[in-house]
Amino acid sequence: MKTSFFSIILFAFLFTTLSCSSNRAYLDPQKTEQLLSSGNFSFNAERANPTNADVINVMNSFPGAGSSRMLTLDPGYTVDFSKEEINAQLPYFGRMFVANMDTRKNGFDFKSKDFTIDKSRSTDKKTVFAVNVSDQSNIRQIFLEVFQNGRAYLSINANDRQAISYDGYISETPKKSGE
C-alpha cells in the first residue's frame, strides 16, 4: 500500500515538473527565421536580470515583495530592431555610476540611427546579434541571442552603469498608428 502511494506521489511530481518546463514555443522556427532574416522585429522583455547581488538583496529586504516579483516586467518593455533604427524602452535595476536626478531618465530609453549589427549563427541553432551603437554616449554594446522557438536573451553593456540582461521573446514589430 505504501509503495503504491509513493509511486502515485512520484508520478504526480514528475508529471507536474515536466508539464511546467520552459520549452514553451513563442514562435515556430520558420516564423523566427523569417523575422531574423528581415531584420524588422521586436524584443519583448519579460524579466530583468541585474548582475549586482546587492540590488537583489535590497529588493528581497522589502516586505511583501521579493526580487522575483519586482524583476518580472509588465508588457510594453521592448527593443524594436529595424534596418534604419533601434528604439529601446527598458527599465534598469542596478548600480549607476552617473545617475540622473530625473528618475524617469535612468532606464534605457533611446533611439539610435547610427549602429552596426554583426549577426552570427551558433552551433546550437541560435542566432546572436552584436550591436554597436555609435550615437549614444552611454551605450557600449547590445547582445541579443535568439533561439529557434522565439525565446530571446538581451544584454546591455553601458559606460555609466553595471551590465544588465533581460529574458523575453521576439515578435513582429507592431505597426504604428497612421501607417
N, C-alpha and C. Protein backbone atom coordinates (compact mmCIF):
# COMPACT_ATOMS: atom_id res chain seq x y z
N MET A 1 0.83 -1.19 0.00
CA MET A 1 0.00 0.00 0.00
C MET A 1 0.87 1.26 0.00
N LYS A 2 1.92 1.24 0.85
CA LYS A 2 2.81 2.40 0.91
C LYS A 2 3.54 2.58 -0.42
N THR A 3 3.92 1.48 -1.06
CA THR A 3 4.65 1.59 -2.32
C THR A 3 3.77 2.21 -3.40
N SER A 4 2.53 1.82 -3.46
CA SER A 4 1.66 2.41 -4.48
C SER A 4 1.40 3.90 -4.18
N PHE A 5 1.30 4.25 -2.90
CA PHE A 5 1.11 5.65 -2.53
C PHE A 5 2.31 6.49 -2.96
N PHE A 6 3.51 5.99 -2.66
CA PHE A 6 4.72 6.72 -3.03
C PHE A 6 4.90 6.78 -4.54
N SER A 7 4.52 5.73 -5.25
CA SER A 7 4.65 5.76 -6.71
C SER A 7 3.65 6.75 -7.32
N ILE A 8 2.46 6.88 -6.73
CA ILE A 8 1.50 7.88 -7.21
C ILE A 8 2.03 9.28 -6.95
N ILE A 9 2.59 9.52 -5.78
CA ILE A 9 3.17 10.83 -5.46
C ILE A 9 4.33 11.14 -6.40
N LEU A 10 5.18 10.15 -6.66
CA LEU A 10 6.31 10.34 -7.56
C LEU A 10 5.82 10.65 -8.98
N PHE A 11 4.81 9.92 -9.45
CA PHE A 11 4.25 10.16 -10.78
C PHE A 11 3.65 11.56 -10.87
N ALA A 12 2.91 11.98 -9.85
CA ALA A 12 2.32 13.32 -9.84
C ALA A 12 3.40 14.39 -9.85
N PHE A 13 4.48 14.19 -9.09
CA PHE A 13 5.58 15.15 -9.06
C PHE A 13 6.25 15.25 -10.43
N LEU A 14 6.54 14.10 -11.05
CA LEU A 14 7.18 14.11 -12.36
C LEU A 14 6.27 14.73 -13.41
N PHE A 15 4.98 14.42 -13.38
CA PHE A 15 4.04 14.99 -14.34
C PHE A 15 3.98 16.51 -14.19
N THR A 16 3.93 17.00 -12.96
CA THR A 16 3.89 18.43 -12.70
C THR A 16 5.18 19.10 -13.16
N THR A 17 6.31 18.49 -12.87
CA THR A 17 7.60 19.06 -13.24
C THR A 17 7.74 19.12 -14.75
N LEU A 18 7.37 18.05 -15.45
CA LEU A 18 7.53 18.03 -16.90
C LEU A 18 6.54 18.96 -17.59
N SER A 19 5.35 19.12 -17.04
CA SER A 19 4.38 20.00 -17.69
C SER A 19 4.70 21.47 -17.46
N CYS A 20 5.50 21.79 -16.46
CA CYS A 20 5.85 23.17 -16.17
C CYS A 20 7.21 23.55 -16.73
N SER A 21 7.74 22.77 -17.64
CA SER A 21 9.06 23.08 -18.17
C SER A 21 8.99 24.33 -19.04
N SER A 22 10.15 24.91 -19.31
CA SER A 22 10.20 26.20 -20.02
C SER A 22 10.44 26.03 -21.52
N ASN A 23 9.99 24.94 -22.09
CA ASN A 23 10.16 24.74 -23.53
C ASN A 23 8.99 25.28 -24.32
N ARG A 24 8.35 26.29 -23.80
CA ARG A 24 7.21 26.90 -24.46
C ARG A 24 7.67 27.54 -25.77
N ALA A 25 6.97 27.25 -26.82
CA ALA A 25 7.31 27.82 -28.12
C ALA A 25 6.56 29.13 -28.30
N TYR A 26 7.29 30.21 -28.48
CA TYR A 26 6.69 31.51 -28.72
C TYR A 26 6.38 31.68 -30.20
N LEU A 27 7.23 31.18 -31.05
CA LEU A 27 7.06 31.24 -32.50
C LEU A 27 7.50 29.91 -33.08
N ASP A 28 6.97 29.57 -34.24
CA ASP A 28 7.50 28.39 -34.90
C ASP A 28 8.84 28.75 -35.54
N PRO A 29 9.72 27.78 -35.77
CA PRO A 29 11.07 28.08 -36.27
C PRO A 29 11.09 28.82 -37.61
N GLN A 30 10.11 28.55 -38.49
CA GLN A 30 10.09 29.24 -39.77
C GLN A 30 9.79 30.73 -39.59
N LYS A 31 8.84 31.05 -38.71
CA LYS A 31 8.49 32.45 -38.44
C LYS A 31 9.67 33.18 -37.77
N THR A 32 10.34 32.49 -36.86
CA THR A 32 11.52 33.07 -36.21
C THR A 32 12.58 33.39 -37.24
N GLU A 33 12.85 32.45 -38.13
CA GLU A 33 13.86 32.66 -39.16
C GLU A 33 13.47 33.78 -40.11
N GLN A 34 12.18 33.88 -40.42
CA GLN A 34 11.70 34.94 -41.30
C GLN A 34 11.90 36.31 -40.66
N LEU A 35 11.57 36.44 -39.36
CA LEU A 35 11.75 37.72 -38.67
C LEU A 35 13.22 38.11 -38.59
N LEU A 36 14.07 37.13 -38.28
CA LEU A 36 15.50 37.43 -38.14
C LEU A 36 16.14 37.79 -39.47
N SER A 37 15.72 37.15 -40.55
CA SER A 37 16.31 37.47 -41.85
C SER A 37 15.81 38.82 -42.37
N SER A 38 14.58 39.20 -42.01
CA SER A 38 14.08 40.51 -42.45
C SER A 38 14.75 41.66 -41.71
N GLY A 39 15.16 41.42 -40.46
CA GLY A 39 15.80 42.48 -39.67
C GLY A 39 14.83 43.40 -38.98
N ASN A 40 13.52 43.20 -39.16
CA ASN A 40 12.49 44.02 -38.51
C ASN A 40 11.73 43.15 -37.50
N PHE A 41 12.06 43.31 -36.23
CA PHE A 41 11.40 42.56 -35.18
C PHE A 41 11.54 43.31 -33.86
N SER A 42 10.78 42.87 -32.87
CA SER A 42 10.82 43.47 -31.53
C SER A 42 11.24 42.44 -30.51
N PHE A 43 12.07 42.85 -29.58
CA PHE A 43 12.38 42.03 -28.41
C PHE A 43 11.46 42.51 -27.29
N ASN A 44 10.67 41.60 -26.73
CA ASN A 44 9.74 41.91 -25.65
C ASN A 44 10.30 41.35 -24.36
N ALA A 45 10.66 42.20 -23.43
CA ALA A 45 11.27 41.77 -22.17
C ALA A 45 10.21 41.28 -21.20
N GLU A 46 10.46 40.12 -20.60
CA GLU A 46 9.57 39.57 -19.58
C GLU A 46 10.18 39.62 -18.19
N ARG A 47 11.52 39.60 -18.12
CA ARG A 47 12.20 39.58 -16.84
C ARG A 47 13.54 40.28 -16.95
N ALA A 48 13.87 41.07 -15.94
CA ALA A 48 15.17 41.73 -15.87
C ALA A 48 16.08 40.91 -14.96
N ASN A 49 17.36 40.86 -15.30
CA ASN A 49 18.34 40.11 -14.53
C ASN A 49 19.54 41.00 -14.21
N PRO A 50 19.48 41.75 -13.10
CA PRO A 50 20.64 42.60 -12.77
C PRO A 50 21.83 41.74 -12.37
N THR A 51 23.03 42.25 -12.63
CA THR A 51 24.24 41.48 -12.31
C THR A 51 24.74 41.74 -10.90
N ASN A 52 24.23 42.76 -10.25
CA ASN A 52 24.69 43.12 -8.92
C ASN A 52 23.88 42.40 -7.86
N ALA A 53 24.52 41.57 -7.05
CA ALA A 53 23.82 40.82 -5.99
C ALA A 53 23.29 41.76 -4.91
N ASP A 54 23.94 42.91 -4.70
CA ASP A 54 23.44 43.86 -3.70
C ASP A 54 22.06 44.39 -4.06
N VAL A 55 21.81 44.59 -5.34
CA VAL A 55 20.50 45.06 -5.78
C VAL A 55 19.43 44.03 -5.46
N ILE A 56 19.73 42.77 -5.71
CA ILE A 56 18.77 41.70 -5.42
C ILE A 56 18.55 41.58 -3.92
N ASN A 57 19.61 41.72 -3.13
CA ASN A 57 19.45 41.66 -1.67
C ASN A 57 18.59 42.80 -1.14
N VAL A 58 18.73 43.99 -1.69
CA VAL A 58 17.89 45.12 -1.27
C VAL A 58 16.44 44.85 -1.64
N MET A 59 16.22 44.33 -2.85
CA MET A 59 14.85 44.02 -3.26
C MET A 59 14.22 42.95 -2.36
N ASN A 60 15.01 41.98 -1.95
CA ASN A 60 14.49 40.93 -1.08
C ASN A 60 14.20 41.43 0.33
N SER A 61 14.77 42.57 0.71
CA SER A 61 14.53 43.09 2.05
C SER A 61 13.22 43.86 2.16
N PHE A 62 12.59 44.20 1.03
CA PHE A 62 11.30 44.90 1.07
C PHE A 62 10.22 43.94 1.56
N PRO A 63 9.37 44.38 2.47
CA PRO A 63 8.32 43.48 2.95
C PRO A 63 7.24 43.27 1.88
N GLY A 64 6.83 42.03 1.74
CA GLY A 64 5.72 41.72 0.85
C GLY A 64 6.06 41.54 -0.61
N ALA A 65 7.27 41.87 -1.02
CA ALA A 65 7.63 41.71 -2.43
C ALA A 65 9.10 41.34 -2.53
N GLY A 66 9.34 40.18 -3.06
CA GLY A 66 10.71 39.74 -3.27
C GLY A 66 11.22 40.20 -4.61
N SER A 67 12.48 39.91 -4.85
CA SER A 67 13.08 40.34 -6.11
C SER A 67 12.46 39.64 -7.30
N SER A 68 11.98 38.42 -7.12
CA SER A 68 11.40 37.71 -8.26
C SER A 68 10.15 38.41 -8.77
N ARG A 69 9.34 38.98 -7.87
CA ARG A 69 8.15 39.71 -8.31
C ARG A 69 8.51 41.06 -8.90
N MET A 70 9.53 41.71 -8.36
CA MET A 70 9.90 43.04 -8.84
C MET A 70 10.59 42.97 -10.20
N LEU A 71 11.30 41.90 -10.48
CA LEU A 71 12.05 41.80 -11.72
C LEU A 71 11.25 41.20 -12.86
N THR A 72 10.05 40.70 -12.58
CA THR A 72 9.14 40.26 -13.63
C THR A 72 8.48 41.50 -14.20
N LEU A 73 8.67 41.74 -15.48
CA LEU A 73 8.26 43.00 -16.09
C LEU A 73 6.87 42.93 -16.70
N ASP A 74 6.20 44.05 -16.69
CA ASP A 74 4.91 44.18 -17.35
C ASP A 74 5.13 44.24 -18.86
N PRO A 75 4.10 43.94 -19.65
CA PRO A 75 4.23 44.10 -21.11
C PRO A 75 4.48 45.55 -21.48
N GLY A 76 5.19 45.76 -22.55
CA GLY A 76 5.45 47.12 -23.03
C GLY A 76 6.91 47.50 -22.99
N TYR A 77 7.75 46.72 -22.32
CA TYR A 77 9.18 46.99 -22.32
C TYR A 77 9.79 46.26 -23.50
N THR A 78 10.18 47.03 -24.52
CA THR A 78 10.63 46.43 -25.77
C THR A 78 11.89 47.10 -26.30
N VAL A 79 12.52 46.41 -27.24
CA VAL A 79 13.56 46.98 -28.09
C VAL A 79 13.15 46.62 -29.51
N ASP A 80 12.86 47.64 -30.31
CA ASP A 80 12.44 47.44 -31.70
C ASP A 80 13.67 47.56 -32.60
N PHE A 81 13.91 46.52 -33.36
CA PHE A 81 15.03 46.49 -34.30
C PHE A 81 14.50 46.64 -35.72
N SER A 82 15.10 47.52 -36.48
CA SER A 82 14.84 47.62 -37.91
C SER A 82 16.17 47.96 -38.58
N LYS A 83 16.17 48.00 -39.88
CA LYS A 83 17.41 48.31 -40.60
C LYS A 83 17.79 49.77 -40.46
N GLU A 84 16.80 50.63 -40.16
CA GLU A 84 17.06 52.06 -40.06
C GLU A 84 17.26 52.55 -38.64
N GLU A 85 16.66 51.85 -37.65
CA GLU A 85 16.61 52.42 -36.30
C GLU A 85 16.48 51.33 -35.25
N ILE A 86 17.04 51.62 -34.09
CA ILE A 86 16.82 50.80 -32.90
C ILE A 86 16.14 51.69 -31.87
N ASN A 87 15.00 51.23 -31.35
CA ASN A 87 14.22 52.01 -30.39
C ASN A 87 14.06 51.16 -29.14
N ALA A 88 14.62 51.63 -28.01
CA ALA A 88 14.61 50.85 -26.77
C ALA A 88 13.86 51.56 -25.67
N GLN A 89 13.04 50.81 -24.95
CA GLN A 89 12.39 51.28 -23.72
C GLN A 89 12.46 50.14 -22.72
N LEU A 90 13.50 50.16 -21.89
CA LEU A 90 13.71 49.12 -20.89
C LEU A 90 14.01 49.75 -19.54
N PRO A 91 13.56 49.13 -18.45
CA PRO A 91 13.90 49.65 -17.12
C PRO A 91 15.32 49.22 -16.75
N TYR A 92 15.86 49.86 -15.75
CA TYR A 92 17.20 49.49 -15.28
C TYR A 92 17.16 49.25 -13.77
N PHE A 93 17.74 48.15 -13.35
CA PHE A 93 17.92 47.82 -11.94
C PHE A 93 19.40 47.55 -11.74
N GLY A 94 20.05 48.35 -10.94
CA GLY A 94 21.46 48.12 -10.70
C GLY A 94 22.16 49.38 -10.26
N ARG A 95 23.48 49.31 -10.22
CA ARG A 95 24.29 50.43 -9.78
C ARG A 95 24.65 51.31 -10.96
N MET A 96 24.32 52.59 -10.81
CA MET A 96 24.67 53.57 -11.83
C MET A 96 25.83 54.41 -11.31
N PHE A 97 26.82 54.61 -12.13
CA PHE A 97 27.97 55.40 -11.72
C PHE A 97 27.72 56.89 -11.93
N VAL A 98 26.86 57.22 -12.90
CA VAL A 98 26.47 58.61 -13.15
C VAL A 98 24.94 58.61 -13.24
N ALA A 99 24.30 58.82 -12.10
CA ALA A 99 22.84 58.78 -12.07
C ALA A 99 22.26 60.13 -12.45
N ASN A 100 21.10 60.09 -13.03
CA ASN A 100 20.39 61.30 -13.43
C ASN A 100 19.44 61.69 -12.29
N MET A 101 19.29 62.96 -12.03
CA MET A 101 18.38 63.40 -10.97
C MET A 101 16.92 63.13 -11.33
N ASP A 102 16.62 63.08 -12.61
CA ASP A 102 15.27 62.75 -13.06
C ASP A 102 15.19 61.24 -13.17
N THR A 103 14.46 60.59 -12.26
CA THR A 103 14.42 59.13 -12.21
C THR A 103 13.76 58.52 -13.44
N ARG A 104 12.99 59.28 -14.18
CA ARG A 104 12.39 58.75 -15.41
C ARG A 104 13.43 58.53 -16.50
N LYS A 105 14.59 59.12 -16.37
CA LYS A 105 15.64 59.00 -17.38
C LYS A 105 16.73 58.00 -17.00
N ASN A 106 16.51 57.21 -15.95
CA ASN A 106 17.53 56.27 -15.51
C ASN A 106 17.43 54.92 -16.19
N GLY A 107 16.36 54.65 -16.92
CA GLY A 107 16.24 53.40 -17.68
C GLY A 107 16.91 53.56 -19.03
N PHE A 108 16.79 52.52 -19.84
CA PHE A 108 17.29 52.57 -21.21
C PHE A 108 16.14 53.01 -22.10
N ASP A 109 16.11 54.28 -22.43
CA ASP A 109 15.07 54.84 -23.29
C ASP A 109 15.79 55.68 -24.35
N PHE A 110 16.05 55.06 -25.50
CA PHE A 110 16.80 55.77 -26.54
C PHE A 110 16.40 55.28 -27.92
N LYS A 111 16.72 56.11 -28.91
CA LYS A 111 16.60 55.76 -30.33
C LYS A 111 17.96 55.94 -30.95
N SER A 112 18.36 54.98 -31.76
CA SER A 112 19.66 55.04 -32.41
C SER A 112 19.48 54.82 -33.90
N LYS A 113 20.14 55.68 -34.68
CA LYS A 113 20.13 55.53 -36.14
C LYS A 113 21.53 55.24 -36.68
N ASP A 114 22.53 55.31 -35.80
CA ASP A 114 23.91 55.07 -36.21
C ASP A 114 24.42 53.85 -35.44
N PHE A 115 24.33 52.68 -36.05
CA PHE A 115 24.70 51.44 -35.38
C PHE A 115 25.17 50.41 -36.40
N THR A 116 25.90 49.42 -35.93
CA THR A 116 26.30 48.29 -36.77
C THR A 116 25.86 47.02 -36.07
N ILE A 117 25.42 46.05 -36.87
CA ILE A 117 24.96 44.77 -36.33
C ILE A 117 25.81 43.66 -36.94
N ASP A 118 26.42 42.85 -36.08
CA ASP A 118 27.13 41.65 -36.51
C ASP A 118 26.26 40.45 -36.15
N LYS A 119 25.81 39.74 -37.17
CA LYS A 119 24.92 38.59 -36.98
C LYS A 119 25.72 37.32 -37.18
N SER A 120 25.59 36.39 -36.23
CA SER A 120 26.27 35.10 -36.36
C SER A 120 25.33 33.99 -35.92
N ARG A 121 25.60 32.80 -36.41
CA ARG A 121 24.79 31.65 -36.08
C ARG A 121 25.63 30.69 -35.26
N SER A 122 25.08 30.22 -34.17
CA SER A 122 25.78 29.32 -33.27
C SER A 122 25.51 27.88 -33.67
N THR A 123 26.32 26.97 -33.16
CA THR A 123 26.15 25.56 -33.49
C THR A 123 24.91 24.97 -32.84
N ASP A 124 24.44 25.56 -31.74
CA ASP A 124 23.24 25.04 -31.09
C ASP A 124 21.98 25.74 -31.57
N LYS A 125 21.98 26.16 -32.84
CA LYS A 125 20.82 26.70 -33.54
C LYS A 125 20.24 27.96 -32.91
N LYS A 126 21.10 28.84 -32.47
CA LYS A 126 20.64 30.15 -32.03
C LYS A 126 21.37 31.21 -32.84
N THR A 127 20.72 32.34 -32.98
CA THR A 127 21.29 33.47 -33.73
C THR A 127 21.72 34.53 -32.73
N VAL A 128 22.91 35.03 -32.88
CA VAL A 128 23.47 36.02 -31.97
C VAL A 128 23.71 37.32 -32.73
N PHE A 129 23.16 38.41 -32.20
CA PHE A 129 23.36 39.74 -32.75
C PHE A 129 24.24 40.52 -31.79
N ALA A 130 25.32 41.11 -32.29
CA ALA A 130 26.15 42.02 -31.53
C ALA A 130 25.97 43.40 -32.14
N VAL A 131 25.36 44.31 -31.38
CA VAL A 131 25.01 45.63 -31.88
C VAL A 131 25.93 46.65 -31.24
N ASN A 132 26.65 47.41 -32.06
CA ASN A 132 27.48 48.52 -31.59
C ASN A 132 26.77 49.81 -31.93
N VAL A 133 26.41 50.57 -30.89
CA VAL A 133 25.67 51.81 -31.06
C VAL A 133 26.66 52.96 -31.02
N SER A 134 26.65 53.82 -32.05
CA SER A 134 27.62 54.92 -32.14
C SER A 134 27.07 56.26 -31.69
N ASP A 135 25.77 56.48 -31.78
CA ASP A 135 25.23 57.80 -31.47
C ASP A 135 24.68 57.94 -30.05
N GLN A 136 24.93 56.97 -29.19
CA GLN A 136 24.56 57.06 -27.77
C GLN A 136 25.84 57.02 -26.95
N SER A 137 26.06 58.03 -26.15
CA SER A 137 27.33 58.13 -25.43
C SER A 137 27.46 57.10 -24.31
N ASN A 138 26.34 56.66 -23.74
CA ASN A 138 26.45 55.76 -22.60
C ASN A 138 26.28 54.28 -22.95
N ILE A 139 25.77 53.95 -24.13
CA ILE A 139 25.56 52.55 -24.52
C ILE A 139 26.80 52.05 -25.26
N ARG A 140 27.41 51.01 -24.74
CA ARG A 140 28.60 50.46 -25.37
C ARG A 140 28.23 49.38 -26.38
N GLN A 141 27.47 48.37 -25.94
CA GLN A 141 27.15 47.27 -26.84
C GLN A 141 25.89 46.56 -26.35
N ILE A 142 25.13 46.03 -27.31
CA ILE A 142 23.93 45.26 -27.03
C ILE A 142 24.11 43.89 -27.66
N PHE A 143 23.88 42.85 -26.88
CA PHE A 143 23.92 41.48 -27.38
C PHE A 143 22.52 40.90 -27.32
N LEU A 144 22.11 40.24 -28.39
CA LEU A 144 20.81 39.59 -28.45
C LEU A 144 21.00 38.17 -28.96
N GLU A 145 20.57 37.20 -28.15
CA GLU A 145 20.60 35.80 -28.56
C GLU A 145 19.16 35.36 -28.78
N VAL A 146 18.87 34.83 -29.96
CA VAL A 146 17.52 34.38 -30.29
C VAL A 146 17.57 32.89 -30.58
N PHE A 147 16.72 32.14 -29.89
CA PHE A 147 16.63 30.70 -30.09
C PHE A 147 15.56 30.38 -31.13
N GLN A 148 15.52 29.15 -31.59
CA GLN A 148 14.61 28.75 -32.66
C GLN A 148 13.14 28.92 -32.30
N ASN A 149 12.79 28.78 -31.04
CA ASN A 149 11.38 28.86 -30.65
C ASN A 149 10.93 30.30 -30.39
N GLY A 150 11.78 31.29 -30.68
CA GLY A 150 11.42 32.69 -30.50
C GLY A 150 11.86 33.26 -29.17
N ARG A 151 12.32 32.44 -28.26
CA ARG A 151 12.81 32.89 -26.97
C ARG A 151 14.09 33.69 -27.20
N ALA A 152 14.31 34.72 -26.41
CA ALA A 152 15.48 35.58 -26.62
C ALA A 152 16.06 36.05 -25.29
N TYR A 153 17.32 36.42 -25.35
CA TYR A 153 18.08 36.91 -24.21
C TYR A 153 18.85 38.14 -24.66
N LEU A 154 18.61 39.28 -24.00
CA LEU A 154 19.25 40.54 -24.38
C LEU A 154 20.13 41.02 -23.24
N SER A 155 21.33 41.47 -23.57
CA SER A 155 22.26 42.00 -22.59
C SER A 155 22.75 43.36 -23.07
N ILE A 156 22.80 44.33 -22.15
CA ILE A 156 23.24 45.68 -22.49
C ILE A 156 24.44 46.03 -21.63
N ASN A 157 25.53 46.42 -22.28
CA ASN A 157 26.71 46.92 -21.60
C ASN A 157 26.77 48.43 -21.80
N ALA A 158 26.86 49.16 -20.70
CA ALA A 158 26.86 50.62 -20.77
C ALA A 158 28.10 51.16 -20.07
N ASN A 159 28.44 52.40 -20.42
CA ASN A 159 29.61 53.04 -19.82
C ASN A 159 29.33 53.58 -18.42
N ASP A 160 28.10 53.96 -18.13
CA ASP A 160 27.79 54.64 -16.89
C ASP A 160 27.06 53.78 -15.86
N ARG A 161 26.96 52.48 -16.09
CA ARG A 161 26.25 51.60 -15.15
C ARG A 161 26.69 50.15 -15.36
N GLN A 162 26.33 49.33 -14.38
CA GLN A 162 26.66 47.91 -14.49
C GLN A 162 25.80 47.25 -15.56
N ALA A 163 26.29 46.16 -16.11
CA ALA A 163 25.57 45.45 -17.15
C ALA A 163 24.29 44.83 -16.59
N ILE A 164 23.31 44.67 -17.46
CA ILE A 164 22.04 44.05 -17.10
C ILE A 164 21.58 43.21 -18.29
N SER A 165 20.82 42.17 -17.99
CA SER A 165 20.29 41.34 -19.06
C SER A 165 18.78 41.18 -18.87
N TYR A 166 18.12 40.77 -19.94
CA TYR A 166 16.67 40.61 -19.95
C TYR A 166 16.32 39.31 -20.65
N ASP A 167 15.35 38.60 -20.11
CA ASP A 167 14.78 37.42 -20.76
C ASP A 167 13.49 37.83 -21.42
N GLY A 168 13.21 37.27 -22.59
CA GLY A 168 11.97 37.60 -23.26
C GLY A 168 11.81 36.79 -24.53
N TYR A 169 11.16 37.38 -25.50
CA TYR A 169 10.89 36.71 -26.77
C TYR A 169 10.82 37.76 -27.87
N ILE A 170 10.92 37.31 -29.10
CA ILE A 170 10.81 38.23 -30.23
C ILE A 170 9.43 38.10 -30.85
N SER A 171 9.02 39.16 -31.51
CA SER A 171 7.74 39.18 -32.21
C SER A 171 7.85 40.17 -33.35
N GLU A 172 6.80 40.23 -34.14
CA GLU A 172 6.75 41.24 -35.20
C GLU A 172 6.66 42.61 -34.55
N THR A 173 7.30 43.59 -35.16
CA THR A 173 7.19 44.96 -34.65
C THR A 173 5.79 45.45 -34.93
N PRO A 174 5.08 45.92 -33.88
CA PRO A 174 3.72 46.40 -34.13
C PRO A 174 3.73 47.64 -35.02
N LYS A 175 2.75 47.73 -35.87
CA LYS A 175 2.61 48.90 -36.75
C LYS A 175 2.18 50.11 -35.93
N LYS A 176 2.81 51.24 -36.22
CA LYS A 176 2.44 52.48 -35.55
C LYS A 176 1.17 53.02 -36.19
N SER A 177 0.40 53.74 -35.40
CA SER A 177 -0.84 54.30 -35.94
C SER A 177 -0.52 55.30 -37.05
N GLY A 178 -1.26 55.23 -38.12
CA GLY A 178 -1.02 56.12 -39.25
C GLY A 178 -0.22 55.46 -40.35
N GLU A 179 0.21 54.20 -40.15
CA GLU A 179 0.98 53.51 -41.20
C GLU A 179 0.09 52.58 -41.98
